[in-house]
Amino acid sequence: MSWAVRLENVGRRYRAGGPWAVRGVDLEIRAGTLVRVAGGNGGGKSTLLRLIAGVDAPSAGRVRGRPPARGYVPERFPASLPLTALDYLTHLGRIRGLRPREAARQGARWLERFGADGYADTRMRELSKGSSQKVAVAQALLGPPGLLVLDEAWTGLDRPARAVLDDVVRERTAAGGAVVFVDHDPSRLADACTTVLRVTPPDSTAPAVPAGPPVPSGSAGSATSVGASMSFGAATPAEASTPAGSVAPAGAADPAGIAVPVASAGPAAPPAPDASAGAAGPVGAAGPVGGGVRQGGLTRIEALGAPGARVPAGLPQDVRWRLTPGGDLFLTVPHTRSDEVLRVLLDAGPPESGWHIRAVREEGENR
């Protein structure tokens, strides 16, 4: 089945007369495509995803052509619910038109695939962040969805579950669905992305970047300096200058006319320090990560910053870190605090801005 979601001069602001979160977006998302949305913090990525998914209504313009079956994983999942994991999935499946038995079957299958079947009878509010995130992803896959929208859905998942979600995304596009996602790892599904979009914040003053050779207006794959009108799955010109709060394609077309996704990459990083290394210092006055934390497991996070960058404020005291003069930051984080630490890094403001998450892995994982 062929379909396409079209955003026509779409804008969104959260109060009358307030600032625009996104503005002037012209976009087409075709069935069978995989679209990555990139951009800085506060640039409007989550707002754009909510508009695409139909969670938010546009304040200007219109969105047409969404398939009836859609799945959405929000950046923050409300997990404080009295239902068990399986009851919750069954309930949502019924809302989406599945018969009770089929909804329960699909819910149980997705829990098993993500390694959370042991928590099927556990109440949502009692689940860990990682297990809750598995349920958040599972609910979006009930149906299955023709359009799947993932807002940092990999954050909080363990390594096996991240790999499963990678596979699921490929399966959905291969089956004719479309997937639009945001993720802090620039290498995430980079080989499979049809297009990478870059969202610029409303107050962006970045210099204009040439949009490449002109393309006839209205043709597939076109991009202009106003609104970045484009079609996925076709050649994508180099990143265009766009109005504040709008969306531009990021990438370059090769001579054969095939879109080449572009993801920023930093220099090769040195090995992450051992949690007990003397040069790795705790944030604040806390001592080394203690045995009680180790029992809960540790996560290693690698981030790249500018030379001379400072460790951002707001990191929990039970985090150990090493910062090199070149701006490479290595952190050893309790599993239960990993999402909190990632949020601090992603939300860091000047002069710490620009942290680029290179890797998130469980302690003991192979590099």
Protein backbone atom coordinates (compact mmCIF):
# COMPACT_ATOMS: atom_id res chain seq x y z
CA MET A 1 0.00 0.00 0.00
CA SER A 2 1.38 3.38 -1.03
CA TRP A 3 0.85 6.40 1.18
CA ALA A 4 2.66 9.54 2.30
CA VAL A 5 2.42 11.89 5.26
CA ARG A 6 2.55 15.51 4.11
CA LEU A 7 3.29 18.52 6.31
CA GLU A 8 2.26 21.71 4.52
CA ASN A 9 3.66 24.98 5.90
CA VAL A 10 3.28 23.54 9.40
CA GLY A 11 4.07 25.52 12.52
CA ARG A 12 3.54 24.88 16.21
CA ARG A 13 3.56 27.12 19.25
CA TYR A 14 2.30 26.20 22.69
CA ARG A 15 0.37 29.34 23.54
CA ALA A 16 -1.35 32.05 21.55
CA GLY A 17 1.16 34.69 20.56
CA GLY A 18 4.02 32.66 22.01
CA PRO A 19 7.27 31.75 20.26
CA TRP A 20 7.23 29.20 17.48
CA ALA A 21 8.67 25.80 18.37
CA VAL A 22 8.77 24.92 14.66
CA ARG A 23 7.61 26.98 11.70
CA GLY A 24 7.25 26.80 7.94
CA VAL A 25 7.77 23.04 7.63
CA ASP A 26 6.99 21.47 4.26
CA LEU A 27 7.71 17.78 4.33
CA GLU A 28 6.71 14.48 2.78
CA ILE A 29 7.30 11.10 4.42
CA ARG A 30 6.67 8.16 2.11
CA ALA A 31 5.90 4.57 3.01
CA GLY A 32 9.00 2.39 3.26
CA THR A 33 11.38 5.17 4.37
CA LEU A 34 13.60 5.62 7.42
CA VAL A 35 14.07 9.22 8.49
CA ARG A 36 16.44 10.53 11.14
CA VAL A 37 15.73 13.94 12.69
CA ALA A 38 18.87 15.72 13.94
CA GLY A 39 19.58 19.09 15.52
CA GLY A 40 20.61 20.79 18.73
CA ASN A 41 18.79 20.78 22.03
CA GLY A 42 15.70 22.94 22.06
CA GLY A 43 15.57 23.09 18.28
CA GLY A 44 12.14 21.54 17.96
CA LYS A 45 12.91 17.88 17.20
CA SER A 46 10.40 16.47 19.70
CA THR A 47 7.76 18.96 18.58
CA LEU A 48 8.25 17.92 14.97
CA LEU A 49 7.92 14.24 15.89
CA ARG A 50 4.72 14.90 17.84
CA LEU A 51 3.27 16.71 14.84
CA ILE A 52 4.18 13.86 12.51
CA ALA A 53 2.70 11.28 14.88
CA GLY A 54 -0.49 13.28 15.39
CA VAL A 55 0.04 13.74 19.13
CA ASP A 56 0.08 17.54 18.68
CA ALA A 57 -2.06 19.55 16.27
CA PRO A 58 -0.32 22.25 14.22
CA SER A 59 -0.91 25.88 15.09
CA ALA A 60 -0.45 26.73 11.42
CA GLY A 61 -0.59 24.71 8.23
CA ARG A 62 -1.87 21.17 8.06
CA VAL A 63 -0.77 17.54 8.13
CA ARG A 64 -2.34 15.08 5.68
CA GLY A 65 -2.05 11.41 4.81
CA ARG A 66 -1.18 9.76 8.13
CA PRO A 67 -1.91 6.02 8.01
CA PRO A 68 -4.58 4.92 10.50
CA ALA A 69 -2.14 2.59 12.32
CA ARG A 70 0.53 4.66 14.07
CA GLY A 71 2.96 4.04 16.92
CA TYR A 72 4.74 6.68 19.01
CA VAL A 73 7.37 6.39 21.73
CA PRO A 74 7.67 9.71 23.60
CA GLU A 75 10.89 11.12 24.97
CA ARG A 76 9.49 10.72 28.49
CA PHE A 77 7.19 7.78 29.11
CA PRO A 78 4.62 8.07 31.94
CA ALA A 79 5.28 4.76 33.70
CA SER A 80 3.57 5.40 37.07
CA LEU A 81 0.54 3.30 36.27
CA PRO A 82 -1.31 0.72 38.43
CA LEU A 83 -1.65 -1.74 35.51
CA THR A 84 0.74 -4.62 34.98
CA ALA A 85 2.94 -4.46 31.90
CA LEU A 86 0.87 -7.02 30.00
CA ASP A 87 -2.47 -5.53 31.09
CA TYR A 88 -1.28 -2.13 29.89
CA LEU A 89 -0.27 -3.49 26.48
CA THR A 90 -3.52 -5.43 26.19
CA HIS A 91 -5.51 -2.30 27.01
CA LEU A 92 -3.71 -0.22 24.38
CA GLY A 93 -4.06 -3.01 21.84
CA ARG A 94 -7.82 -3.02 22.34
CA ILE A 95 -7.92 0.77 21.92
CA ARG A 96 -6.17 0.27 18.58
CA GLY A 97 -8.82 -2.15 17.41
CA LEU A 98 -7.35 -5.53 18.34
CA ARG A 99 -9.50 -8.20 19.93
CA PRO A 100 -8.59 -8.80 23.60
CA ARG A 101 -6.94 -12.17 22.97
CA GLU A 102 -4.92 -10.84 20.02
CA ALA A 103 -3.91 -7.72 21.96
CA ALA A 104 -2.65 -9.90 24.82
CA ARG A 105 -0.84 -12.20 22.40
CA GLN A 106 0.95 -9.34 20.67
CA GLY A 107 1.81 -7.69 23.98
CA ALA A 108 3.32 -10.89 25.34
CA ARG A 109 5.26 -11.46 22.11
CA TRP A 110 6.84 -8.01 22.20
CA LEU A 111 7.71 -8.31 25.89
CA GLU A 112 9.42 -11.61 25.16
CA ARG A 113 11.31 -10.23 22.18
CA PHE A 114 12.67 -7.32 24.22
CA GLY A 115 13.60 -9.61 27.12
CA ALA A 116 10.92 -8.27 29.46
CA ASP A 117 8.53 -11.23 29.54
CA GLY A 118 9.55 -11.88 33.15
CA TYR A 119 7.90 -8.56 34.07
CA ALA A 120 4.57 -9.20 32.33
CA ASP A 121 2.73 -9.40 35.67
CA THR A 122 4.68 -6.57 37.33
CA ARG A 123 2.90 -3.27 37.84
CA MET A 124 4.26 -0.49 35.64
CA ARG A 125 5.07 1.77 38.57
CA GLU A 126 7.31 -0.95 40.03
CA LEU A 127 9.41 -1.42 36.89
CA SER A 128 12.95 -0.11 36.50
CA LYS A 129 13.60 2.62 33.94
CA GLY A 130 15.00 0.08 31.47
CA SER A 131 12.08 -2.33 31.81
CA SER A 132 9.60 0.52 31.58
CA GLN A 133 11.25 1.69 28.38
CA LYS A 134 10.83 -1.77 26.88
CA VAL A 135 7.10 -1.54 27.57
CA ALA A 136 7.07 1.95 26.04
CA VAL A 137 8.56 0.58 22.84
CA ALA A 138 6.32 -2.50 22.85
CA GLN A 139 3.13 -0.42 23.03
CA ALA A 140 4.15 1.48 19.90
CA LEU A 141 4.55 -1.75 17.93
CA LEU A 142 1.08 -3.15 18.56
CA GLY A 143 -0.97 -3.38 15.41
CA PRO A 144 1.58 -3.20 13.75
CA PRO A 145 1.97 0.53 12.92
CA GLY A 146 2.29 1.83 9.40
CA LEU A 147 4.00 4.94 10.77
CA LEU A 148 6.38 4.51 13.71
CA VAL A 149 7.77 7.62 15.48
CA LEU A 150 10.58 7.13 18.01
CA ASP A 151 11.80 9.98 20.22
CA GLU A 152 15.07 8.71 21.75
CA ALA A 153 13.45 5.31 22.19
CA TRP A 154 16.83 3.56 22.57
CA THR A 155 17.73 5.57 25.68
CA GLY A 156 17.48 3.38 28.77
CA LEU A 157 17.44 0.09 26.87
CA ASP A 158 20.13 -2.50 27.54
CA ARG A 159 22.40 -3.64 24.73
CA PRO A 160 20.32 -6.65 23.58
CA ALA A 161 17.12 -4.58 23.55
CA ARG A 162 18.81 -1.80 21.54
CA ALA A 163 19.83 -4.38 18.94
CA VAL A 164 16.26 -5.74 18.84
CA LEU A 165 14.87 -2.26 18.25
CA ASP A 166 17.37 -1.72 15.42
CA ASP A 167 16.10 -4.94 13.84
CA VAL A 168 12.47 -3.98 14.35
CA VAL A 169 12.97 -0.63 12.63
CA ARG A 170 14.50 -2.36 9.61
CA GLU A 171 11.63 -4.84 9.58
CA ARG A 172 9.01 -2.09 9.63
CA THR A 173 10.51 -0.23 6.66
CA ALA A 174 11.03 -3.50 4.75
CA ALA A 175 7.34 -4.26 5.28
CA GLY A 176 6.36 -0.90 3.77
CA GLY A 177 6.07 1.15 6.95
CA ALA A 178 7.80 4.45 7.62
CA VAL A 179 9.93 5.19 10.69
CA VAL A 180 10.93 8.64 11.91
CA PHE A 181 13.35 8.80 14.83
CA VAL A 182 15.61 10.88 17.04
CA ASP A 183 18.56 9.31 18.86
CA HIS A 184 21.66 10.67 20.57
CA ASP A 185 23.93 8.12 18.81
CA PRO A 186 24.78 9.51 15.34
CA SER A 187 25.68 6.04 14.07
CA ARG A 188 22.24 4.63 14.88
CA LEU A 189 20.92 2.96 11.68
CA ALA A 190 23.11 5.29 9.62
CA ASP A 191 23.48 2.67 6.89
CA ALA A 192 19.72 2.34 6.53
CA CYS A 193 18.52 5.95 6.73
CA THR A 194 16.77 7.24 3.64
CA THR A 195 17.14 10.85 4.73
CA VAL A 196 18.52 12.87 7.61
CA LEU A 197 16.66 16.07 8.51
CA ARG A 198 18.19 18.88 10.54
CA VAL A 199 15.92 21.05 12.66
CA THR A 200 17.12 24.59 13.35
CA PRO A 201 15.87 26.43 16.45
CA PRO A 202 13.68 29.52 16.14
CA ASP A 203 16.52 31.81 17.26
CA SER A 204 19.12 30.21 15.00
CA THR A 205 21.63 32.66 13.54
CA ALA A 206 23.77 30.06 11.80
CA PRO A 207 25.22 31.27 8.50
CA ALA A 208 23.50 30.09 5.36
CA VAL A 209 24.87 26.97 3.70
CA PRO A 210 24.55 26.75 -0.10
CA ALA A 211 21.69 24.47 -1.03
CA GLY A 212 23.46 22.99 -4.03
CA PRO A 213 22.30 23.07 -7.65
CA PRO A 214 18.73 24.20 -8.22
CA VAL A 215 16.03 21.57 -8.58
CA PRO A 216 12.81 22.16 -10.51
CA SER A 217 10.09 23.29 -8.14
CA GLY A 218 7.78 20.53 -6.94
CA SER A 219 9.92 17.65 -8.16
CA ALA A 220 10.66 14.64 -5.99
CA GLY A 221 13.63 15.17 -3.76
CA SER A 222 13.59 18.93 -4.05
CA ALA A 223 14.70 21.23 -1.26
CA THR A 224 14.45 24.97 -1.15
CA SER A 225 15.74 27.66 1.18
CA VAL A 226 12.20 28.23 2.41
CA GLY A 227 10.59 25.36 4.28
CA ALA A 228 12.77 22.60 2.83
CA SER A 229 10.09 20.98 0.68
CA MET A 230 11.27 17.48 -0.09
CA SER A 231 10.38 13.87 -0.74
CA PHE A 232 12.04 10.97 1.03
CA GLY A 233 13.69 8.19 -0.91
CA ALA A 234 14.93 10.56 -3.61
CA ALA A 235 18.16 12.49 -4.02
CA THR A 236 18.66 15.02 -1.22
CA PRO A 237 20.62 18.25 -1.86
CA ALA A 238 23.13 19.56 0.64
CA GLU A 239 21.78 21.16 3.81
CA ALA A 240 19.78 24.26 2.95
CA SER A 241 19.41 27.57 4.71
CA THR A 242 15.92 27.65 6.23
CA PRO A 243 13.80 30.04 8.23
CA ALA A 244 13.99 29.86 12.01
CA GLY A 245 12.37 26.78 13.42
CA SER A 246 12.19 24.99 10.09
CA VAL A 247 13.56 21.74 8.77
CA ALA A 248 16.31 21.18 6.24
CA PRO A 249 17.75 18.00 4.73
CA ALA A 250 21.22 17.13 5.98
CA GLY A 251 23.40 15.23 3.58
CA ALA A 252 24.70 15.41 0.05
CA ALA A 253 23.70 13.79 -3.20
CA ASP A 254 26.33 11.66 -4.88
CA PRO A 255 26.76 11.75 -8.68
CA ALA A 256 24.33 8.85 -9.07
CA GLY A 257 21.60 10.82 -7.34
CA ILE A 258 21.46 8.65 -4.20
CA ALA A 259 21.01 10.43 -0.88
CA VAL A 260 24.05 10.09 1.35
CA PRO A 261 23.17 10.57 5.04
CA VAL A 262 25.64 12.69 6.99
CA ALA A 263 26.39 12.22 10.68
CA SER A 264 28.96 14.18 12.65
CA ALA A 265 31.91 12.13 13.83
CA GLY A 266 34.64 13.08 16.24
CA PRO A 267 38.22 11.82 16.47
CA ALA A 268 38.93 8.32 17.64
CA ALA A 269 38.46 8.22 21.40
CA PRO A 270 40.93 6.61 23.81
CA PRO A 271 39.77 3.64 25.88
CA ALA A 272 37.35 4.45 28.66
CA PRO A 273 38.94 4.45 32.11
CA ASP A 274 38.34 1.70 34.61
CA ALA A 275 35.91 2.71 37.34
CA SER A 276 38.67 2.35 39.91
CA ALA A 277 41.29 4.37 38.01
CA GLY A 278 42.79 7.03 40.22
CA ALA A 279 42.62 9.70 37.51
CA ALA A 280 38.87 9.33 37.16
CA GLY A 281 37.27 11.76 39.57
CA PRO A 282 33.81 11.73 41.10
CA VAL A 283 31.53 14.68 40.62
CA GLY A 284 31.21 16.76 43.75
CA ALA A 285 32.64 15.48 47.03
CA ALA A 286 31.47 11.88 46.70
CA GLY A 287 34.00 9.08 46.84
CA PRO A 288 34.48 6.29 44.29
CA VAL A 289 31.46 4.35 43.11
CA GLY A 290 30.70 1.95 45.95
CA GLY A 291 29.91 -1.74 46.05
CA GLY A 292 26.22 -1.15 46.50
CA VAL A 293 26.10 0.68 43.18
CA ARG A 294 28.17 -1.98 41.46
CA GLN A 295 25.59 -4.58 42.42
CA GLY A 296 23.09 -2.65 40.35
CA GLY A 297 25.43 -2.57 37.36
CA LEU A 298 27.32 0.23 35.68
CA THR A 299 27.01 1.98 32.34
CA ARG A 300 29.89 3.58 30.43
CA ILE A 301 29.15 6.77 28.50
CA GLU A 302 31.56 8.42 26.06
CA ALA A 303 30.94 11.99 24.95
CA LEU A 304 32.91 14.34 22.72
CA GLY A 305 33.16 18.06 23.33
CA ALA A 306 35.26 20.98 22.22
CA PRO A 307 38.88 21.30 23.40
CA GLY A 308 38.96 22.85 26.85
CA ALA A 309 35.34 21.93 27.58
CA ARG A 310 34.28 21.68 31.21
CA VAL A 311 32.33 18.90 32.89
CA PRO A 312 28.70 20.07 32.84
CA ALA A 313 27.04 20.96 36.10
CA GLY A 314 24.23 18.82 37.39
CA LEU A 315 25.77 15.36 37.18
CA PRO A 316 24.79 13.08 40.08
CA GLN A 317 27.42 12.64 42.79
CA ASP A 318 27.67 8.87 42.28
CA VAL A 319 29.10 9.32 38.77
CA ARG A 320 32.80 9.00 38.00
CA TRP A 321 34.29 10.87 35.07
CA ARG A 322 37.49 11.54 33.14
CA LEU A 323 37.85 14.61 30.92
CA THR A 324 40.77 14.94 28.50
CA PRO A 325 42.19 18.31 27.36
CA GLY A 326 40.82 17.57 23.90
CA GLY A 327 37.27 17.45 25.22
CA ASP A 328 36.73 13.67 25.42
CA LEU A 329 34.55 12.88 28.44
CA PHE A 330 34.26 9.34 29.86
CA LEU A 331 31.75 8.56 32.58
CA THR A 332 31.01 5.51 34.71
CA VAL A 333 27.36 5.69 35.73
CA PRO A 334 25.05 3.47 37.79
CA HIS A 335 22.48 1.89 35.48
CA THR A 336 19.69 3.63 37.34
CA ARG A 337 21.22 7.07 36.64
CA SER A 338 22.25 6.64 32.99
CA ASP A 339 19.23 8.42 31.51
CA GLU A 340 19.63 11.27 33.96
CA VAL A 341 23.29 11.69 33.01
CA LEU A 342 22.51 11.57 29.29
CA ARG A 343 19.90 14.27 29.77
CA VAL A 344 22.41 16.49 31.61
CA LEU A 345 24.90 16.09 28.75
CA LEU A 346 22.32 16.74 26.05
CA ASP A 347 20.85 19.75 27.84
CA ALA A 348 24.20 21.34 28.81
CA GLY A 349 24.39 25.01 27.95
CA PRO A 350 27.38 27.26 27.09
CA PRO A 351 30.27 26.91 27.56
CA GLU A 352 29.65 23.17 27.93
CA SER A 353 27.32 22.97 24.91
CA GLY A 354 28.19 20.74 22.03
CA TRP A 355 28.49 17.40 23.86
CA HIS A 356 28.23 14.65 21.28
CA ILE A 357 27.27 11.23 22.71
CA ARG A 358 29.63 8.73 21.09
CA ALA A 359 28.71 5.52 22.88
CA VAL A 360 26.58 4.12 25.70
CA ARG A 361 27.43 0.58 26.82
CA GLU A 362 27.00 -1.70 29.77
CA GLU A 363 30.08 -2.47 31.86
CA GLY A 364 31.82 -5.48 30.37
CA GLU A 365 30.44 -5.04 26.84
CA ASN A 366 32.93 -5.46 24.04
CA ARG A 367 33.88 -2.27 22.24
